[in-house]
Every structure is written in C-alpha cells, then in structure tokens.
N, C-alpha and C. Protein backbone atom coordinates (compact mmCIF):
# COMPACT_ATOMS: atom_id res chain seq x y z
N MET A 1 -18.13 -106.43 124.17
CA MET A 1 -16.55 -106.86 122.78
C MET A 1 -17.27 -106.21 121.40
N THR A 2 -16.48 -105.38 121.04
CA THR A 2 -17.12 -105.28 118.97
C THR A 2 -16.74 -105.82 118.33
N PRO A 3 -17.99 -106.23 117.56
CA PRO A 3 -17.85 -107.25 116.07
C PRO A 3 -16.80 -106.56 114.98
N LEU A 4 -15.78 -107.44 114.31
CA LEU A 4 -14.78 -106.91 113.37
C LEU A 4 -15.39 -107.58 112.25
N PHE A 5 -15.45 -106.73 110.84
CA PHE A 5 -15.89 -107.14 109.81
C PHE A 5 -15.00 -107.29 108.45
N ASP A 6 -14.94 -107.95 107.61
CA ASP A 6 -14.33 -107.90 106.78
C ASP A 6 -14.69 -107.21 105.39
N PRO A 7 -13.95 -106.89 104.69
CA PRO A 7 -14.85 -106.01 103.14
C PRO A 7 -16.24 -106.44 102.59
N LEU A 8 -16.34 -107.64 102.56
CA LEU A 8 -17.41 -108.35 102.40
C LEU A 8 -18.91 -108.02 103.42
N GLN A 9 -18.96 -107.62 104.13
CA GLN A 9 -19.16 -107.75 105.76
C GLN A 9 -19.59 -108.47 106.18
N ASN A 10 -19.10 -109.79 106.13
CA ASN A 10 -18.81 -111.26 107.33
C ASN A 10 -18.02 -110.51 108.17
N HIS A 11 -19.16 -111.47 109.26
CA HIS A 11 -18.24 -112.07 111.00
C HIS A 11 -16.92 -112.22 111.04
N VAL A 12 -16.05 -111.95 111.16
CA VAL A 12 -14.18 -112.51 110.83
C VAL A 12 -14.45 -112.59 112.22
N GLY A 13 -14.52 -111.72 113.21
CA GLY A 13 -13.53 -111.61 114.75
C GLY A 13 -14.88 -110.44 115.82
N TRP A 14 -13.92 -110.62 116.66
CA TRP A 14 -14.63 -109.90 117.56
C TRP A 14 -12.66 -108.61 118.60
N LEU A 15 -13.25 -107.24 119.10
CA LEU A 15 -12.38 -107.06 119.72
C LEU A 15 -12.46 -106.66 121.28
N GLU A 16 -11.85 -106.39 122.20
CA GLU A 16 -11.70 -106.32 123.13
C GLU A 16 -10.36 -105.86 123.53
N GLY A 17 -10.84 -104.91 123.59
CA GLY A 17 -9.50 -103.42 124.77
C GLY A 17 -8.97 -103.96 123.52
N PRO A 18 -7.79 -103.96 123.84
CA PRO A 18 -6.11 -104.43 122.46
C PRO A 18 -6.29 -105.96 121.69
N ILE A 19 -7.12 -106.46 122.47
CA ILE A 19 -7.31 -107.94 121.66
C ILE A 19 -8.10 -108.10 120.95
N VAL A 20 -7.31 -108.69 119.81
CA VAL A 20 -8.56 -109.64 118.62
C VAL A 20 -8.63 -110.70 118.47
N PHE A 21 -10.14 -111.11 118.85
CA PHE A 21 -9.93 -112.30 118.91
C PHE A 21 -10.71 -113.23 117.70
N GLY A 22 -10.90 -114.29 117.43
CA GLY A 22 -11.58 -114.83 115.73
C GLY A 22 -13.07 -115.26 115.99
N ASN A 23 -14.01 -116.02 115.64
CA ASN A 23 -15.15 -115.86 115.92
C ASN A 23 -15.65 -117.15 117.00
N GLN A 24 -14.50 -118.00 117.04
CA GLN A 24 -14.14 -119.44 118.11
C GLN A 24 -13.83 -118.53 119.44
N ILE A 25 -13.74 -117.37 120.02
CA ILE A 25 -13.37 -117.15 120.59
C ILE A 25 -11.71 -117.24 121.30
N GLU A 26 -10.87 -117.61 119.59
CA GLU A 26 -9.58 -117.79 119.81
C GLU A 26 -8.43 -116.52 119.82
N TRP A 27 -7.58 -116.51 120.44
CA TRP A 27 -7.18 -115.18 120.27
C TRP A 27 -5.78 -115.36 119.24
N LEU A 28 -5.97 -114.27 118.77
CA LEU A 28 -5.92 -114.46 116.99
C LEU A 28 -4.39 -113.05 116.99
N ALA A 29 -5.01 -111.75 117.67
CA ALA A 29 -3.63 -110.79 117.41
C ALA A 29 -4.33 -109.78 118.93
N PHE A 30 -2.73 -108.74 118.52
CA PHE A 30 -2.66 -107.62 119.71
C PHE A 30 -2.97 -106.43 118.43
N ILE A 31 -2.89 -105.71 119.70
CA ILE A 31 -3.09 -104.16 118.98
C ILE A 31 -2.18 -103.67 120.10
N HIS A 32 -0.67 -102.72 119.69
CA HIS A 32 0.59 -102.29 120.54
C HIS A 32 0.47 -100.67 119.59
N ASP A 33 0.70 -99.70 120.79
CA ASP A 33 0.97 -98.66 120.02
C ASP A 33 0.48 -98.17 118.43
N GLY A 34 -0.59 -98.18 118.32
CA GLY A 34 -1.00 -98.45 116.76
C GLY A 34 -0.59 -99.55 115.34
N HIS A 35 -0.31 -100.42 116.02
CA HIS A 35 -0.40 -101.54 114.90
C HIS A 35 -0.73 -102.84 115.97
N VAL A 36 -0.91 -104.24 114.74
CA VAL A 36 -1.20 -104.54 115.04
C VAL A 36 -0.20 -105.91 115.02
N TYR A 37 -0.17 -107.15 116.02
CA TYR A 37 0.78 -108.26 115.73
C TYR A 37 0.18 -109.71 115.85
N HIS A 38 0.49 -110.62 115.10
CA HIS A 38 0.11 -111.79 115.12
C HIS A 38 0.16 -112.22 116.88
N ALA A 39 -1.10 -113.20 117.10
CA ALA A 39 -0.96 -113.78 118.96
C ALA A 39 0.64 -114.74 118.74
N ALA A 40 0.29 -115.48 118.08
CA ALA A 40 1.23 -116.52 118.44
C ALA A 40 2.45 -116.26 118.13
N THR A 41 2.72 -115.38 116.67
CA THR A 41 4.04 -115.28 116.17
C THR A 41 5.09 -113.95 116.56
N HIS A 42 3.94 -113.20 117.16
CA HIS A 42 4.38 -111.37 117.69
C HIS A 42 4.89 -110.99 116.71
N GLN A 43 4.70 -111.19 115.27
CA GLN A 43 4.97 -110.59 113.79
C GLN A 43 4.58 -109.51 113.30
N TRP A 44 4.55 -108.56 112.90
CA TRP A 44 3.95 -107.31 113.13
C TRP A 44 2.83 -107.71 111.81
N LEU A 45 1.56 -107.14 111.65
CA LEU A 45 0.34 -107.53 110.51
C LEU A 45 0.32 -106.34 109.74
N GLY A 46 0.42 -105.84 110.62
CA GLY A 46 0.25 -103.92 109.86
C GLY A 46 0.11 -102.73 111.07
N PRO A 47 -0.79 -102.13 110.46
CA PRO A 47 -1.06 -101.13 111.53
C PRO A 47 -2.73 -100.84 112.00
N TRP A 48 -2.65 -100.37 112.87
CA TRP A 48 -4.16 -99.88 113.05
C TRP A 48 -4.38 -99.07 113.22
N ASN A 49 -5.67 -98.12 112.41
CA ASN A 49 -6.18 -97.25 111.99
C ASN A 49 -7.89 -97.05 112.58
N ASP A 50 -7.63 -96.60 114.00
CA ASP A 50 -9.44 -96.17 115.06
C ASP A 50 -10.04 -96.87 114.29
N GLY A 51 -10.41 -98.04 114.37
CA GLY A 51 -10.97 -99.04 114.23
C GLY A 51 -11.15 -99.97 113.10
N ALA A 52 -9.90 -100.57 112.34
CA ALA A 52 -9.50 -100.76 111.31
C ALA A 52 -7.93 -101.41 111.07
N LEU A 53 -8.23 -102.74 110.82
CA LEU A 53 -6.97 -103.54 110.48
C LEU A 53 -6.61 -103.63 109.41
N LEU A 54 -5.37 -103.13 109.23
CA LEU A 54 -4.62 -102.72 108.06
C LEU A 54 -3.64 -103.81 107.49
N ASP A 55 -3.48 -103.83 106.41
CA ASP A 55 -2.34 -105.35 105.89
C ASP A 55 -0.80 -104.24 105.50
N ARG A 56 0.11 -104.74 105.35
CA ARG A 56 1.27 -104.59 105.48
C ARG A 56 1.37 -102.68 104.89
N ARG A 57 0.48 -103.06 103.76
CA ARG A 57 0.40 -102.12 102.98
C ARG A 57 -0.15 -100.55 103.06
N GLY A 58 -0.78 -101.15 104.20
CA GLY A 58 -1.83 -100.06 104.53
C GLY A 58 -3.37 -99.73 104.45
N LEU A 59 -4.08 -101.06 103.79
CA LEU A 59 -5.03 -101.37 102.75
C LEU A 59 -5.74 -102.06 104.05
N VAL A 60 -7.44 -101.85 104.17
CA VAL A 60 -7.90 -102.33 105.41
C VAL A 60 -8.53 -103.99 104.77
N VAL A 61 -8.03 -104.92 105.84
CA VAL A 61 -8.87 -106.35 105.89
C VAL A 61 -10.17 -105.92 106.93
N GLY A 62 -9.50 -105.68 107.92
CA GLY A 62 -10.46 -105.99 108.71
C GLY A 62 -11.37 -104.32 109.34
N TRP A 63 -12.53 -104.24 110.02
CA TRP A 63 -12.94 -103.02 110.56
C TRP A 63 -14.75 -103.28 111.28
N THR A 64 -14.52 -102.13 112.61
CA THR A 64 -15.84 -102.26 113.04
C THR A 64 -16.26 -101.48 113.11
N PRO A 65 -17.72 -101.62 113.40
CA PRO A 65 -18.71 -100.99 112.14
C PRO A 65 -19.08 -99.49 113.31
N ASP A 66 -18.28 -98.72 114.02
CA ASP A 66 -18.91 -98.05 114.91
C ASP A 66 -18.00 -96.95 114.13
N ARG A 67 -17.26 -97.33 113.29
CA ARG A 67 -16.00 -95.98 112.16
C ARG A 67 -16.12 -96.67 110.96
N THR A 68 -15.66 -95.92 109.80
CA THR A 68 -15.82 -95.44 108.52
C THR A 68 -14.42 -96.29 108.84
N PRO A 69 -13.94 -97.46 108.27
CA PRO A 69 -12.95 -97.48 107.70
C PRO A 69 -12.10 -96.79 106.71
N ARG A 70 -10.43 -96.86 107.25
CA ARG A 70 -9.75 -96.24 105.85
C ARG A 70 -8.13 -96.39 106.44
N ALA A 71 -7.96 -96.57 104.75
CA ALA A 71 -6.79 -96.99 105.02
C ALA A 71 -5.28 -95.86 105.18
N ARG A 72 -4.32 -96.23 105.24
CA ARG A 72 -3.52 -94.98 105.41
C ARG A 72 -2.29 -95.66 105.42
N SER A 73 -0.63 -95.37 105.28
CA SER A 73 0.23 -95.90 105.38
C SER A 73 0.71 -95.49 106.45
N ALA A 74 1.65 -96.76 107.20
CA ALA A 74 2.09 -96.55 108.22
C ALA A 74 3.81 -96.89 108.26
N PRO A 75 4.75 -96.62 108.78
CA PRO A 75 6.04 -97.30 108.22
C PRO A 75 6.06 -98.15 109.36
N ARG A 76 6.53 -99.08 108.82
CA ARG A 76 7.07 -100.85 109.61
C ARG A 76 7.37 -100.50 111.42
N PRO A 77 7.03 -100.83 112.31
CA PRO A 77 7.55 -100.43 113.81
C PRO A 77 9.06 -101.21 113.66
N LEU A 78 10.18 -101.17 114.93
CA LEU A 78 11.08 -101.18 115.04
C LEU A 78 10.89 -102.51 116.16
N GLY A 79 11.39 -103.42 115.80
CA GLY A 79 11.38 -104.36 116.74
C GLY A 79 10.11 -105.17 116.82
N GLN A 80 10.04 -105.63 117.93
CA GLN A 80 8.70 -106.73 118.27
C GLN A 80 7.91 -106.18 119.64
N PRO A 81 6.90 -105.37 119.94
CA PRO A 81 6.40 -105.25 121.52
C PRO A 81 6.74 -106.53 122.04
N MET A 82 6.50 -106.91 123.53
CA MET A 82 6.58 -107.88 124.37
C MET A 82 4.60 -108.20 124.11
N ALA A 83 4.75 -109.11 123.64
CA ALA A 83 3.04 -109.75 124.05
C ALA A 83 2.69 -109.93 125.17
N PRO A 84 1.12 -109.36 125.35
CA PRO A 84 0.37 -109.19 126.32
C PRO A 84 0.52 -110.44 127.21
N PRO A 85 0.03 -110.73 128.19
CA PRO A 85 -0.60 -111.87 128.90
C PRO A 85 -1.07 -113.23 128.03
N ARG A 86 -1.26 -114.02 127.85
CA ARG A 86 -2.52 -114.96 126.75
C ARG A 86 -4.46 -114.70 128.06
N PRO A 87 -4.87 -113.85 127.08
CA PRO A 87 -6.51 -113.52 127.67
C PRO A 87 -7.08 -114.57 127.77
N PHE A 88 -8.14 -114.50 129.30
CA PHE A 88 -8.79 -114.78 129.46
C PHE A 88 -10.36 -115.29 128.45
N PRO A 89 -10.25 -116.33 127.55
CA PRO A 89 -11.33 -116.14 126.80
C PRO A 89 -12.88 -115.41 127.17
N PRO A 90 -13.03 -114.76 126.43
CA PRO A 90 -14.63 -113.60 127.29
C PRO A 90 -15.95 -114.75 126.68
N LYS A 91 -16.53 -114.61 127.40
CA LYS A 91 -17.62 -115.01 127.30
C LYS A 91 -18.49 -115.21 125.66
N ARG A 92 -18.82 -116.07 125.17
CA ARG A 92 -19.01 -115.47 123.69
C ARG A 92 -20.60 -114.52 123.14
N PRO A 93 -20.32 -113.78 123.12
CA PRO A 93 -21.58 -112.75 122.49
C PRO A 93 -22.19 -112.94 121.73
N ILE A 94 -23.50 -112.34 121.62
CA ILE A 94 -24.39 -113.27 120.31
C ILE A 94 -23.83 -111.91 119.39
N MET A 95 -24.07 -112.79 118.05
CA MET A 95 -23.67 -112.67 117.18
C MET A 95 -24.44 -111.44 116.28
N PRO A 96 -23.35 -110.41 115.85
CA PRO A 96 -23.93 -109.33 115.21
C PRO A 96 -24.92 -109.11 114.29
N ARG A 97 -25.34 -108.30 113.89
CA ARG A 97 -25.95 -108.41 112.82
C ARG A 97 -24.77 -108.12 112.05
N ARG A 98 -24.93 -108.26 110.12
CA ARG A 98 -24.62 -107.39 109.17
C ARG A 98 -24.89 -105.93 108.92
N PRO A 99 -23.86 -105.55 108.44
CA PRO A 99 -23.33 -103.91 108.79
C PRO A 99 -23.60 -103.74 107.44
N LEU A 100 -24.13 -102.33 107.03
CA LEU A 100 -24.87 -101.89 105.82
C LEU A 100 -22.92 -101.64 105.63
N SER A 101 -22.21 -101.53 104.10
CA SER A 101 -21.37 -101.28 103.64
C SER A 101 -21.13 -99.73 104.36
N PRO A 102 -19.88 -99.88 104.13
CA PRO A 102 -18.99 -98.43 105.10
C PRO A 102 -18.79 -97.98 103.59
N GLN A 103 -18.83 -96.50 104.19
CA GLN A 103 -18.54 -95.68 102.37
C GLN A 103 -16.77 -95.58 102.32
N THR A 104 -16.24 -96.38 102.48
CA THR A 104 -14.82 -96.59 101.77
C THR A 104 -14.46 -97.14 101.18
N PRO A 105 -13.52 -95.82 99.73
CA PRO A 105 -13.44 -95.92 98.73
C PRO A 105 -13.15 -97.66 97.93
N ALA A 106 -12.95 -97.85 97.05
CA ALA A 106 -13.14 -99.22 96.95
C ALA A 106 -11.31 -99.10 96.40
N PHE A 107 -10.57 -98.62 96.73
CA PHE A 107 -9.15 -99.06 96.57
C PHE A 107 -8.29 -98.98 97.87
N GLU A 108 -9.12 -98.67 98.95
CA GLU A 108 -9.03 -98.57 100.00
C GLU A 108 -9.23 -100.25 100.69
N TRP A 109 -9.45 -100.62 99.96
CA TRP A 109 -9.19 -102.14 100.04
C TRP A 109 -8.33 -103.10 100.27
N SER A 110 -8.18 -103.95 101.06
CA SER A 110 -6.76 -104.97 101.15
C SER A 110 -7.27 -106.13 100.00
N PRO A 111 -6.58 -106.53 98.94
CA PRO A 111 -6.64 -107.92 98.17
C PRO A 111 -6.99 -108.80 98.95
N LEU A 112 -6.14 -109.22 100.59
CA LEU A 112 -5.86 -109.79 101.93
C LEU A 112 -7.15 -110.44 101.81
N GLY A 113 -8.18 -112.03 102.07
CA GLY A 113 -8.76 -112.01 102.81
C GLY A 113 -8.14 -111.86 104.56
N TRP A 114 -9.33 -111.99 105.41
CA TRP A 114 -9.13 -112.35 106.56
C TRP A 114 -7.61 -113.68 107.11
N SER A 115 -8.38 -114.45 106.45
CA SER A 115 -6.82 -115.64 106.97
C SER A 115 -5.73 -115.39 106.22
N ALA A 116 -6.46 -114.89 104.80
CA ALA A 116 -4.38 -114.78 104.80
C ALA A 116 -4.21 -113.77 104.92
N TRP A 117 -4.32 -112.79 105.52
CA TRP A 117 -4.17 -111.74 106.16
C TRP A 117 -2.69 -112.40 107.49
N LEU A 118 -3.91 -113.04 108.69
CA LEU A 118 -3.73 -113.67 109.51
C LEU A 118 -2.26 -114.32 109.23
N ALA A 119 -2.16 -115.40 108.10
CA ALA A 119 -0.66 -116.25 107.87
C ALA A 119 -0.12 -115.66 106.95
N VAL A 120 0.01 -113.64 107.02
CA VAL A 120 1.59 -113.42 106.82
C VAL A 120 2.60 -113.52 107.49
N ALA A 121 2.21 -113.91 109.03
CA ALA A 121 2.75 -113.60 110.00
C ALA A 121 3.38 -114.96 110.43
N ASN A 122 3.12 -116.04 109.56
CA ASN A 122 3.00 -117.72 109.85
C ASN A 122 4.06 -118.04 108.42
N PRO A 123 5.61 -117.95 109.10
CA PRO A 123 6.41 -118.13 108.25
C PRO A 123 6.16 -119.58 107.33
N PRO A 124 6.73 -119.56 105.89
CA PRO A 124 6.41 -120.96 105.85
C PRO A 124 7.45 -122.03 106.47
N PRO A 125 7.19 -122.92 106.48
CA PRO A 125 7.90 -124.54 106.50
C PRO A 125 9.31 -124.32 106.10
N PRO A 126 10.41 -123.89 107.25
CA PRO A 126 11.77 -124.48 106.29
C PRO A 126 11.57 -125.84 105.28
N PRO A 127 12.88 -125.63 104.10
CA PRO A 127 12.83 -126.55 103.00
C PRO A 127 13.76 -128.07 103.52
N PRO A 128 13.27 -128.97 103.30
CA PRO A 128 13.40 -130.02 104.17
C PRO A 128 14.76 -129.98 103.73
N VAL A 129 15.64 -130.43 105.07
CA VAL A 129 17.31 -130.86 104.77
C VAL A 129 17.74 -132.17 104.99
N ALA A 130 18.24 -132.63 103.36
CA ALA A 130 19.39 -133.18 103.31
C ALA A 130 19.98 -134.37 104.48
N ASP A 131 19.71 -135.33 104.37
CA ASP A 131 19.79 -136.19 105.80
C ASP A 131 21.15 -136.85 105.41
N PRO A 132 22.16 -136.14 105.89
CA PRO A 132 23.32 -136.64 106.00
C PRO A 132 23.91 -138.26 105.99
N ASP A 133 22.85 -138.46 106.64
CA ASP A 133 23.57 -140.43 107.55
C ASP A 133 22.88 -141.11 105.97
N ASN A 134 21.82 -140.35 105.47
CA ASN A 134 21.36 -141.30 104.19
C ASN A 134 21.98 -141.18 103.13
N SER A 135 22.88 -140.21 102.74
CA SER A 135 23.54 -140.12 101.57
C SER A 135 23.80 -141.13 101.05
N ALA A 136 24.76 -142.22 102.07
CA ALA A 136 25.57 -143.60 101.75
C ALA A 136 24.70 -144.52 101.79
N ALA A 137 23.29 -143.88 101.22
CA ALA A 137 22.04 -145.13 101.45
C ALA A 137 22.74 -146.15 99.56
N VAL A 138 22.21 -147.12 99.90
CA VAL A 138 21.97 -147.66 98.54
C VAL A 138 21.37 -147.82 97.90
N ASP A 139 21.47 -148.03 96.25
CA ASP A 139 20.84 -147.04 95.69
C ASP A 139 20.07 -148.57 95.13
N ASP A 140 18.86 -148.72 95.44
CA ASP A 140 18.01 -150.03 94.87
C ASP A 140 17.46 -149.65 93.50
N SER A 141 17.72 -148.49 93.11
CA SER A 141 17.23 -148.82 91.63
C SER A 141 16.96 -149.11 90.70
N GLY A 142 18.18 -150.25 90.27
CA GLY A 142 18.64 -151.11 89.01
C GLY A 142 20.13 -151.83 89.44
N PRO A 143 20.42 -152.27 88.35
CA PRO A 143 21.37 -152.68 88.71
C PRO A 143 22.35 -151.77 88.50
N PRO A 144 23.99 -152.69 89.06
CA PRO A 144 24.83 -151.48 89.11
C PRO A 144 25.74 -151.70 87.81
N PRO A 145 26.25 -150.41 87.86
CA PRO A 145 27.24 -150.33 86.42
C PRO A 145 27.62 -151.42 86.55
N ALA A 146 28.35 -151.21 84.98
CA ALA A 146 29.31 -152.55 84.23
C ALA A 146 30.07 -152.51 85.10
N ASN A 147 30.96 -152.15 85.18
CA ASN A 147 32.62 -151.37 85.69
C ASN A 147 32.20 -151.80 88.05
N GLU A 148 30.94 -152.27 88.22
CA GLU A 148 30.80 -152.41 89.51
C GLU A 148 30.30 -153.95 89.79
N ARG A 149 30.21 -154.99 88.68
CA ARG A 149 29.80 -156.08 88.70
C ARG A 149 31.06 -157.00 89.12
C-alpha cells in the first residue's frame, strides 16, 4: 500500500490500487477513469492526477510521495460509475515516514483539508419538516385572547 499525505505532509490514508483507505484502514473513496468518488455516497470528489487526489477545482488535497503532486482542471464526469465491491480491509502497514515537502507551487494546494474534502460528498441533512399532525396542537404559551374567553 502507498501512503497518502495532505499538503502539510501529515499522513492521512493509504492507496491500494484504485481504493483509498483512511488511517484506520476504513474505505473512504475509489478511483475510476481518472476521477475520485466517495465510497459511501458515490459522489464525485474530484480528479485523480497521477498520484494526486484533487478537489473539485483541481487543486491538490492528497498525494503519494512517489510523485510530485500537480493540480489540473478536469471536467465533472457524466453520471456516476458503478462502485466496486466493498474491499476487504488489508493488513495495516507500518506507519510511513513524513516525506519532504514536494516541489508543488503553493497556488496548486487546495484550501480544503482532508476531512473537508471527503465531507464534500456528504450532503447536509435536510431541513426539518413541519409535522402536519402537530399544527393543530394546543398553544400553552399563555392565556387565550380576550375574544376566546
């Protein structure tokens, strides 16, 4: 497995073929046809660029130490791919050493952190819906108006 690092050289996960695992070997994402998708929601997270995980704007969020990460723009893919079957968690590798800072220009790094990037694919919860059965509930906030006494 290949370690993944964020722009600050913090170890954030592992890459095993097209599968992205977190530090605890939980399945986070998968790579398909040059794009990265969230494992649970299958939502597009951004492009994959030869060892670099990019946000939706094409800026580097995560990278493998065997390549110099580079940003690139990529059009949003059409549709969603069929997700691969849930992978078996691999044996936990030895923690990697922190790599040297790559020679990536500062403007190519994403402002999103690793967790924020993954959260992009998780839509916010829907707003609460008014309960139609509760609309006729009795108002106990005070005395009734004078015309109802």
